[in-house]
């Protein structure tokens, strides 16, 4: 890992249409819009979906690094996330974020150790740690 601090830059351009275009150096363009719930078109990535995607991706990559460092073997990690947006204290915001992780491990793996590593990855994910809304983690560990 490069020494901290790290800096990340994006550019968003938009006009009077429903869409915006996210770009970043060396990255593919990403079309974004408001979700249908906020009168958007419903056919583009929304800020709400991108936040959940950032949590999922951060968890995956944090877990991967921790598993490698801890020498915990696994063959797959599947993630599903869901977030609830509601009005709280006069502000529209995410009030609940749920992350469901399904970890596939080799037969004979210490499940308690794998569980602790999943929980540590959730706490160690910089995206989750940067949010005021807590992320609730549900886990399933299967052999395969």
N, C-alpha and C. Protein backbone atom coordinates (compact mmCIF):
# COMPACT_ATOMS: atom_id res chain seq x y z
N UNK A 1 0.84 -1.18 0.00
CA UNK A 1 0.00 0.00 0.00
C UNK A 1 0.89 1.24 0.00
N UNK A 2 0.47 2.23 -0.76
CA UNK A 2 1.18 3.50 -0.76
C UNK A 2 0.96 4.20 0.58
N UNK A 3 1.93 5.01 1.01
CA UNK A 3 1.75 5.75 2.25
C UNK A 3 0.55 6.70 2.16
N UNK A 4 -0.12 6.90 3.28
CA UNK A 4 -1.24 7.83 3.35
C UNK A 4 -0.71 9.24 3.47
N UNK A 5 -1.45 10.25 3.09
CA UNK A 5 -2.83 10.22 2.62
C UNK A 5 -2.93 9.87 1.14
N UNK A 6 -4.08 9.34 0.76
CA UNK A 6 -4.41 9.05 -0.64
C UNK A 6 -5.45 10.07 -1.10
N UNK A 7 -5.39 10.45 -2.36
CA UNK A 7 -6.36 11.41 -2.92
C UNK A 7 -7.04 10.78 -4.12
N UNK A 8 -8.34 11.03 -4.26
CA UNK A 8 -9.12 10.50 -5.37
C UNK A 8 -9.91 11.64 -5.99
N UNK A 9 -9.91 11.71 -7.31
CA UNK A 9 -10.58 12.78 -8.02
C UNK A 9 -11.57 12.22 -9.04
N UNK A 10 -12.72 12.82 -9.12
CA UNK A 10 -13.74 12.49 -10.11
C UNK A 10 -14.24 13.78 -10.73
N UNK A 11 -14.88 13.64 -11.86
CA UNK A 11 -15.54 14.77 -12.51
C UNK A 11 -16.96 14.34 -12.87
N UNK A 12 -17.92 15.17 -12.58
CA UNK A 12 -19.31 14.93 -12.95
C UNK A 12 -19.76 16.08 -13.83
N UNK A 13 -20.30 15.75 -14.99
CA UNK A 13 -20.86 16.78 -15.87
C UNK A 13 -22.31 16.43 -16.14
N UNK A 14 -23.12 17.44 -16.27
CA UNK A 14 -24.53 17.24 -16.55
C UNK A 14 -25.11 18.46 -17.23
N UNK A 15 -26.28 18.27 -17.80
CA UNK A 15 -26.99 19.38 -18.44
C UNK A 15 -28.44 19.33 -17.96
N UNK A 16 -29.36 19.77 -18.75
CA UNK A 16 -30.76 19.79 -18.33
C UNK A 16 -31.45 18.44 -18.48
N UNK A 17 -30.76 17.44 -19.03
CA UNK A 17 -31.34 16.11 -19.11
C UNK A 17 -31.33 15.47 -17.72
N UNK A 18 -31.85 14.27 -17.61
CA UNK A 18 -31.93 13.57 -16.33
C UNK A 18 -30.59 12.98 -15.89
N UNK A 19 -29.59 13.01 -16.76
CA UNK A 19 -28.37 12.24 -16.53
C UNK A 19 -27.16 13.10 -16.22
N UNK A 20 -26.23 12.49 -15.52
CA UNK A 20 -24.91 13.04 -15.31
C UNK A 20 -23.91 12.02 -15.79
N UNK A 21 -22.70 12.45 -16.07
CA UNK A 21 -21.65 11.55 -16.53
C UNK A 21 -20.45 11.69 -15.62
N UNK A 22 -20.15 10.60 -14.91
CA UNK A 22 -18.99 10.56 -14.02
C UNK A 22 -17.78 10.09 -14.81
N UNK A 23 -16.68 10.79 -14.64
CA UNK A 23 -15.43 10.40 -15.29
C UNK A 23 -14.29 10.55 -14.28
N UNK A 24 -13.26 9.79 -14.52
CA UNK A 24 -12.04 9.88 -13.72
C UNK A 24 -10.90 9.38 -14.56
N UNK A 25 -9.73 9.88 -14.30
CA UNK A 25 -8.56 9.51 -15.10
C UNK A 25 -8.36 7.99 -15.07
N UNK A 26 -8.34 7.40 -16.27
CA UNK A 26 -8.12 5.97 -16.41
C UNK A 26 -9.33 5.11 -16.09
N UNK A 27 -10.48 5.72 -15.85
CA UNK A 27 -11.69 4.98 -15.48
C UNK A 27 -12.71 5.03 -16.60
N UNK A 28 -13.55 3.99 -16.73
CA UNK A 28 -14.63 4.07 -17.72
C UNK A 28 -15.67 5.09 -17.27
N UNK A 29 -16.32 5.70 -18.23
CA UNK A 29 -17.39 6.64 -17.91
C UNK A 29 -18.56 5.90 -17.26
N UNK A 30 -19.28 6.59 -16.39
CA UNK A 30 -20.42 6.00 -15.70
C UNK A 30 -21.58 6.99 -15.74
N UNK A 31 -22.67 6.55 -16.34
CA UNK A 31 -23.86 7.40 -16.42
C UNK A 31 -24.65 7.26 -15.13
N UNK A 32 -25.08 8.37 -14.58
CA UNK A 32 -25.81 8.38 -13.33
C UNK A 32 -27.03 9.28 -13.43
N UNK A 33 -27.99 9.01 -12.59
CA UNK A 33 -29.23 9.81 -12.55
C UNK A 33 -29.88 9.62 -11.19
N UNK A 34 -30.89 10.40 -10.93
CA UNK A 34 -31.69 10.21 -9.72
C UNK A 34 -32.47 8.90 -9.85
N UNK A 35 -32.77 8.26 -8.72
CA UNK A 35 -33.58 7.04 -8.78
C UNK A 35 -35.04 7.36 -9.10
N UNK A 36 -35.76 6.33 -9.52
CA UNK A 36 -37.19 6.50 -9.81
C UNK A 36 -37.94 7.09 -8.62
N UNK A 37 -37.55 6.70 -7.41
CA UNK A 37 -38.22 7.22 -6.21
C UNK A 37 -38.12 8.73 -6.10
N UNK A 38 -37.11 9.32 -6.74
CA UNK A 38 -36.95 10.77 -6.76
C UNK A 38 -37.21 11.31 -8.17
N UNK A 39 -38.09 10.64 -8.90
CA UNK A 39 -38.51 11.05 -10.24
C UNK A 39 -37.42 10.94 -11.30
N UNK A 40 -36.45 10.08 -11.08
CA UNK A 40 -35.43 9.83 -12.08
C UNK A 40 -35.90 8.80 -13.09
N UNK A 41 -35.10 8.54 -14.14
CA UNK A 41 -35.52 7.65 -15.21
C UNK A 41 -35.50 6.16 -14.83
N UNK A 42 -34.70 5.78 -13.84
CA UNK A 42 -34.67 4.38 -13.41
C UNK A 42 -33.80 3.47 -14.26
N UNK A 43 -32.96 4.03 -15.12
CA UNK A 43 -32.13 3.20 -15.98
C UNK A 43 -30.64 3.56 -15.91
N UNK A 44 -30.24 4.15 -14.79
CA UNK A 44 -28.84 4.53 -14.62
C UNK A 44 -28.45 4.34 -13.16
N UNK A 45 -27.16 4.23 -12.92
CA UNK A 45 -26.68 4.13 -11.54
C UNK A 45 -27.03 5.41 -10.80
N UNK A 46 -27.54 5.26 -9.58
CA UNK A 46 -27.95 6.40 -8.77
C UNK A 46 -26.94 6.63 -7.66
N UNK A 47 -26.94 7.81 -7.06
CA UNK A 47 -26.06 8.02 -5.90
C UNK A 47 -26.32 6.99 -4.80
N UNK A 48 -27.58 6.63 -4.63
CA UNK A 48 -27.94 5.65 -3.60
C UNK A 48 -27.33 4.28 -3.90
N UNK A 49 -27.43 3.85 -5.16
CA UNK A 49 -26.83 2.57 -5.55
C UNK A 49 -25.31 2.64 -5.48
N UNK A 50 -24.74 3.76 -5.86
CA UNK A 50 -23.28 3.89 -5.83
C UNK A 50 -22.75 3.84 -4.40
N UNK A 51 -23.50 4.39 -3.45
CA UNK A 51 -23.06 4.29 -2.05
C UNK A 51 -23.04 2.84 -1.59
N UNK A 52 -24.11 2.10 -1.89
CA UNK A 52 -24.15 0.69 -1.53
C UNK A 52 -23.05 -0.09 -2.25
N UNK A 53 -22.81 0.23 -3.51
CA UNK A 53 -21.75 -0.44 -4.27
C UNK A 53 -20.38 -0.15 -3.64
N UNK A 54 -20.19 1.06 -3.17
CA UNK A 54 -18.92 1.41 -2.53
C UNK A 54 -18.72 0.60 -1.25
N UNK A 55 -19.78 0.40 -0.48
CA UNK A 55 -19.70 -0.41 0.73
C UNK A 55 -19.36 -1.85 0.37
N UNK A 56 -20.08 -2.41 -0.61
CA UNK A 56 -19.83 -3.80 -1.03
C UNK A 56 -18.39 -3.99 -1.50
N UNK A 57 -17.94 -3.12 -2.39
CA UNK A 57 -16.60 -3.26 -2.95
C UNK A 57 -15.54 -3.09 -1.87
N UNK A 58 -15.72 -2.11 -1.01
CA UNK A 58 -14.76 -1.88 0.07
C UNK A 58 -14.70 -3.09 1.00
N UNK A 59 -15.86 -3.66 1.34
CA UNK A 59 -15.88 -4.84 2.20
C UNK A 59 -15.14 -5.99 1.53
N UNK A 60 -15.42 -6.25 0.26
CA UNK A 60 -14.76 -7.33 -0.47
C UNK A 60 -13.25 -7.17 -0.46
N UNK A 61 -12.77 -6.00 -0.80
CA UNK A 61 -11.33 -5.80 -0.91
C UNK A 61 -10.66 -5.78 0.46
N UNK A 62 -11.35 -5.27 1.48
CA UNK A 62 -10.82 -5.30 2.84
C UNK A 62 -10.73 -6.73 3.33
N UNK A 63 -11.81 -7.51 3.10
CA UNK A 63 -11.80 -8.91 3.52
C UNK A 63 -10.69 -9.67 2.80
N UNK A 64 -10.56 -9.45 1.51
CA UNK A 64 -9.53 -10.15 0.72
C UNK A 64 -8.14 -9.91 1.30
N UNK A 65 -7.84 -8.65 1.62
CA UNK A 65 -6.52 -8.33 2.17
C UNK A 65 -6.33 -8.95 3.55
N UNK A 66 -7.37 -8.91 4.37
CA UNK A 66 -7.27 -9.47 5.72
C UNK A 66 -7.16 -10.99 5.68
N UNK A 67 -7.90 -11.64 4.78
CA UNK A 67 -7.84 -13.09 4.66
C UNK A 67 -6.45 -13.52 4.21
N UNK A 68 -5.89 -12.79 3.27
CA UNK A 68 -4.54 -13.11 2.79
C UNK A 68 -3.53 -12.96 3.92
N UNK A 69 -3.62 -11.85 4.66
CA UNK A 69 -2.68 -11.61 5.76
C UNK A 69 -2.85 -12.62 6.89
N UNK A 70 -4.08 -13.07 7.11
CA UNK A 70 -4.37 -14.03 8.19
C UNK A 70 -4.25 -15.48 7.74
N UNK A 71 -4.00 -15.67 6.45
CA UNK A 71 -3.91 -17.01 5.87
C UNK A 71 -5.19 -17.82 6.09
N UNK A 72 -6.33 -17.13 5.90
CA UNK A 72 -7.64 -17.78 5.96
C UNK A 72 -8.07 -18.05 4.53
N UNK A 73 -8.23 -19.33 4.20
CA UNK A 73 -8.61 -19.70 2.84
C UNK A 73 -10.11 -19.58 2.62
N UNK A 74 -10.47 -19.19 1.42
CA UNK A 74 -11.87 -19.15 1.00
C UNK A 74 -11.90 -19.22 -0.51
N UNK A 75 -13.04 -19.63 -1.06
CA UNK A 75 -13.13 -19.73 -2.51
C UNK A 75 -14.05 -18.67 -3.10
N UNK A 76 -14.95 -18.12 -2.29
CA UNK A 76 -15.87 -17.10 -2.82
C UNK A 76 -16.44 -16.28 -1.68
N UNK A 77 -16.73 -15.03 -1.99
CA UNK A 77 -17.45 -14.14 -1.08
C UNK A 77 -18.50 -13.43 -1.91
N UNK A 78 -19.77 -13.68 -1.62
CA UNK A 78 -20.88 -13.03 -2.32
C UNK A 78 -21.53 -12.04 -1.36
N UNK A 79 -21.83 -10.86 -1.87
CA UNK A 79 -22.40 -9.80 -1.03
C UNK A 79 -23.70 -9.29 -1.62
N UNK A 80 -24.66 -9.06 -0.76
CA UNK A 80 -25.90 -8.38 -1.11
C UNK A 80 -26.05 -7.24 -0.11
N UNK A 81 -26.47 -6.10 -0.60
CA UNK A 81 -26.66 -4.98 0.31
C UNK A 81 -28.02 -4.36 0.05
N UNK A 82 -28.54 -3.73 1.08
CA UNK A 82 -29.82 -3.03 0.99
C UNK A 82 -29.75 -1.82 1.91
N UNK A 83 -30.28 -0.74 1.44
CA UNK A 83 -30.31 0.47 2.25
C UNK A 83 -31.69 1.08 2.25
N UNK A 84 -32.06 1.64 3.37
CA UNK A 84 -33.34 2.33 3.51
C UNK A 84 -33.08 3.82 3.60
N UNK A 85 -33.74 4.58 2.73
CA UNK A 85 -33.68 6.04 2.79
C UNK A 85 -35.00 6.51 3.39
N UNK A 86 -34.90 7.35 4.41
CA UNK A 86 -36.09 7.87 5.08
C UNK A 86 -35.77 9.25 5.62
N UNK A 87 -36.75 9.85 6.19
CA UNK A 87 -36.57 11.17 6.79
C UNK A 87 -36.29 10.97 8.27
N UNK A 88 -35.19 11.55 8.75
CA UNK A 88 -34.80 11.41 10.15
C UNK A 88 -34.24 12.74 10.63
N UNK A 89 -34.79 13.26 11.70
CA UNK A 89 -34.36 14.54 12.26
C UNK A 89 -34.41 15.65 11.21
N UNK A 90 -35.46 15.60 10.37
CA UNK A 90 -35.65 16.64 9.36
C UNK A 90 -34.75 16.53 8.14
N UNK A 91 -34.01 15.42 8.02
CA UNK A 91 -33.09 15.24 6.90
C UNK A 91 -33.40 13.91 6.21
N UNK A 92 -33.44 13.93 4.88
CA UNK A 92 -33.58 12.70 4.13
C UNK A 92 -32.20 12.07 4.03
N UNK A 93 -32.11 10.81 4.51
CA UNK A 93 -30.81 10.16 4.59
C UNK A 93 -30.98 8.66 4.65
N UNK A 94 -29.87 7.93 4.50
CA UNK A 94 -29.89 6.50 4.75
C UNK A 94 -30.08 6.32 6.26
N UNK A 95 -31.10 5.56 6.63
CA UNK A 95 -31.36 5.29 8.05
C UNK A 95 -30.96 3.88 8.43
N UNK A 96 -30.76 3.02 7.44
CA UNK A 96 -30.41 1.63 7.70
C UNK A 96 -29.67 1.07 6.49
N UNK A 97 -28.56 0.42 6.74
CA UNK A 97 -27.82 -0.26 5.67
C UNK A 97 -27.53 -1.66 6.17
N UNK A 98 -27.90 -2.64 5.34
CA UNK A 98 -27.69 -4.04 5.68
C UNK A 98 -26.79 -4.69 4.62
N UNK A 99 -25.79 -5.37 5.10
CA UNK A 99 -24.85 -6.08 4.22
C UNK A 99 -24.93 -7.56 4.57
N UNK A 100 -25.22 -8.37 3.57
CA UNK A 100 -25.28 -9.82 3.76
C UNK A 100 -24.10 -10.44 3.01
N UNK A 101 -23.30 -11.16 3.76
CA UNK A 101 -22.09 -11.78 3.21
C UNK A 101 -22.24 -13.30 3.27
N UNK A 102 -21.97 -13.94 2.15
CA UNK A 102 -21.97 -15.41 2.09
C UNK A 102 -20.57 -15.85 1.70
N UNK A 103 -19.87 -16.43 2.66
CA UNK A 103 -18.48 -16.83 2.47
C UNK A 103 -18.41 -18.34 2.26
N UNK A 104 -17.76 -18.74 1.18
CA UNK A 104 -17.56 -20.16 0.90
C UNK A 104 -16.11 -20.50 1.26
N UNK A 105 -15.97 -21.49 2.15
CA UNK A 105 -14.66 -21.87 2.67
C UNK A 105 -14.40 -23.35 2.39
N UNK A 106 -13.13 -23.76 2.37
CA UNK A 106 -12.81 -25.18 2.19
C UNK A 106 -13.30 -26.00 3.40
N UNK A 107 -13.60 -27.26 3.18
CA UNK A 107 -13.99 -28.12 4.30
C UNK A 107 -12.93 -28.10 5.39
N UNK A 108 -13.40 -28.09 6.64
CA UNK A 108 -12.48 -28.10 7.77
C UNK A 108 -12.01 -26.73 8.22
N UNK A 109 -12.46 -25.67 7.56
CA UNK A 109 -12.06 -24.31 7.95
C UNK A 109 -12.63 -23.98 9.32
N UNK A 110 -11.87 -23.27 10.12
CA UNK A 110 -12.32 -22.81 11.43
C UNK A 110 -13.37 -21.71 11.18
N UNK A 111 -14.64 -22.06 11.35
CA UNK A 111 -15.73 -21.13 11.07
C UNK A 111 -15.73 -19.92 12.00
N UNK A 112 -15.37 -20.14 13.26
CA UNK A 112 -15.32 -19.01 14.20
C UNK A 112 -14.28 -17.99 13.77
N UNK A 113 -13.16 -18.47 13.31
CA UNK A 113 -12.10 -17.57 12.83
C UNK A 113 -12.55 -16.83 11.58
N UNK A 114 -13.21 -17.54 10.67
CA UNK A 114 -13.73 -16.91 9.46
C UNK A 114 -14.78 -15.86 9.82
N UNK A 115 -15.63 -16.16 10.78
CA UNK A 115 -16.66 -15.20 11.23
C UNK A 115 -16.00 -13.95 11.80
N UNK A 116 -15.00 -14.13 12.65
CA UNK A 116 -14.31 -12.98 13.23
C UNK A 116 -13.66 -12.12 12.14
N UNK A 117 -13.14 -12.78 11.11
CA UNK A 117 -12.51 -12.04 10.02
C UNK A 117 -13.54 -11.24 9.23
N UNK A 118 -14.72 -11.81 9.00
CA UNK A 118 -15.80 -11.07 8.33
C UNK A 118 -16.17 -9.83 9.14
N UNK A 119 -16.31 -9.99 10.44
CA UNK A 119 -16.67 -8.86 11.30
C UNK A 119 -15.57 -7.81 11.32
N UNK A 120 -14.33 -8.26 11.35
CA UNK A 120 -13.20 -7.33 11.33
C UNK A 120 -13.15 -6.56 10.02
N UNK A 121 -13.46 -7.23 8.91
CA UNK A 121 -13.47 -6.56 7.61
C UNK A 121 -14.54 -5.49 7.56
N UNK A 122 -15.69 -5.75 8.16
CA UNK A 122 -16.76 -4.73 8.17
C UNK A 122 -16.30 -3.51 8.97
N UNK A 123 -15.67 -3.74 10.10
CA UNK A 123 -15.19 -2.61 10.91
C UNK A 123 -14.04 -1.88 10.23
N UNK A 124 -13.24 -2.63 9.44
CA UNK A 124 -12.07 -2.05 8.81
C UNK A 124 -12.31 -1.40 7.46
N UNK A 125 -13.49 -1.56 6.92
CA UNK A 125 -13.82 -0.96 5.62
C UNK A 125 -13.87 0.56 5.76
N UNK A 126 -13.04 1.27 5.03
CA UNK A 126 -12.98 2.72 5.19
C UNK A 126 -14.26 3.41 4.75
N UNK A 127 -15.00 2.84 3.81
CA UNK A 127 -16.26 3.46 3.39
C UNK A 127 -17.28 3.37 4.52
N UNK A 128 -17.48 2.19 5.08
CA UNK A 128 -18.42 2.02 6.19
C UNK A 128 -18.01 2.89 7.37
N UNK A 129 -16.71 2.93 7.65
CA UNK A 129 -16.22 3.71 8.78
C UNK A 129 -16.41 5.21 8.58
N UNK A 130 -16.60 5.63 7.34
CA UNK A 130 -16.78 7.05 7.03
C UNK A 130 -18.23 7.51 7.10
N UNK A 131 -19.14 6.58 7.33
CA UNK A 131 -20.57 6.90 7.33
C UNK A 131 -21.09 7.11 8.74
N UNK A 132 -22.10 7.98 8.86
CA UNK A 132 -22.77 8.11 10.17
C UNK A 132 -23.82 7.03 10.35
N UNK A 133 -24.31 6.46 9.26
CA UNK A 133 -25.28 5.37 9.34
C UNK A 133 -24.52 4.06 9.56
N UNK A 134 -24.85 3.32 10.61
CA UNK A 134 -24.15 2.06 10.82
C UNK A 134 -24.52 1.03 9.75
N UNK A 135 -23.58 0.17 9.45
CA UNK A 135 -23.79 -0.93 8.51
C UNK A 135 -23.96 -2.20 9.34
N UNK A 136 -25.10 -2.87 9.17
CA UNK A 136 -25.38 -4.10 9.89
C UNK A 136 -24.98 -5.28 9.01
N UNK A 137 -24.17 -6.16 9.56
CA UNK A 137 -23.63 -7.29 8.81
C UNK A 137 -24.31 -8.58 9.23
N UNK A 138 -24.85 -9.30 8.25
CA UNK A 138 -25.35 -10.65 8.44
C UNK A 138 -24.44 -11.56 7.64
N UNK A 139 -24.08 -12.69 8.22
CA UNK A 139 -23.12 -13.58 7.55
C UNK A 139 -23.66 -15.00 7.44
N UNK A 140 -23.17 -15.67 6.42
CA UNK A 140 -23.41 -17.10 6.24
C UNK A 140 -22.08 -17.67 5.77
N UNK A 141 -21.65 -18.73 6.43
CA UNK A 141 -20.41 -19.39 6.05
C UNK A 141 -20.77 -20.82 5.63
N UNK A 142 -20.39 -21.18 4.41
CA UNK A 142 -20.70 -22.50 3.87
C UNK A 142 -19.41 -23.15 3.38
N UNK A 143 -19.42 -24.48 3.40
CA UNK A 143 -18.27 -25.21 2.86
C UNK A 143 -18.52 -25.55 1.40
N UNK A 144 -17.48 -25.47 0.64
CA UNK A 144 -17.64 -25.80 -0.77
C UNK A 144 -16.35 -25.76 -1.53
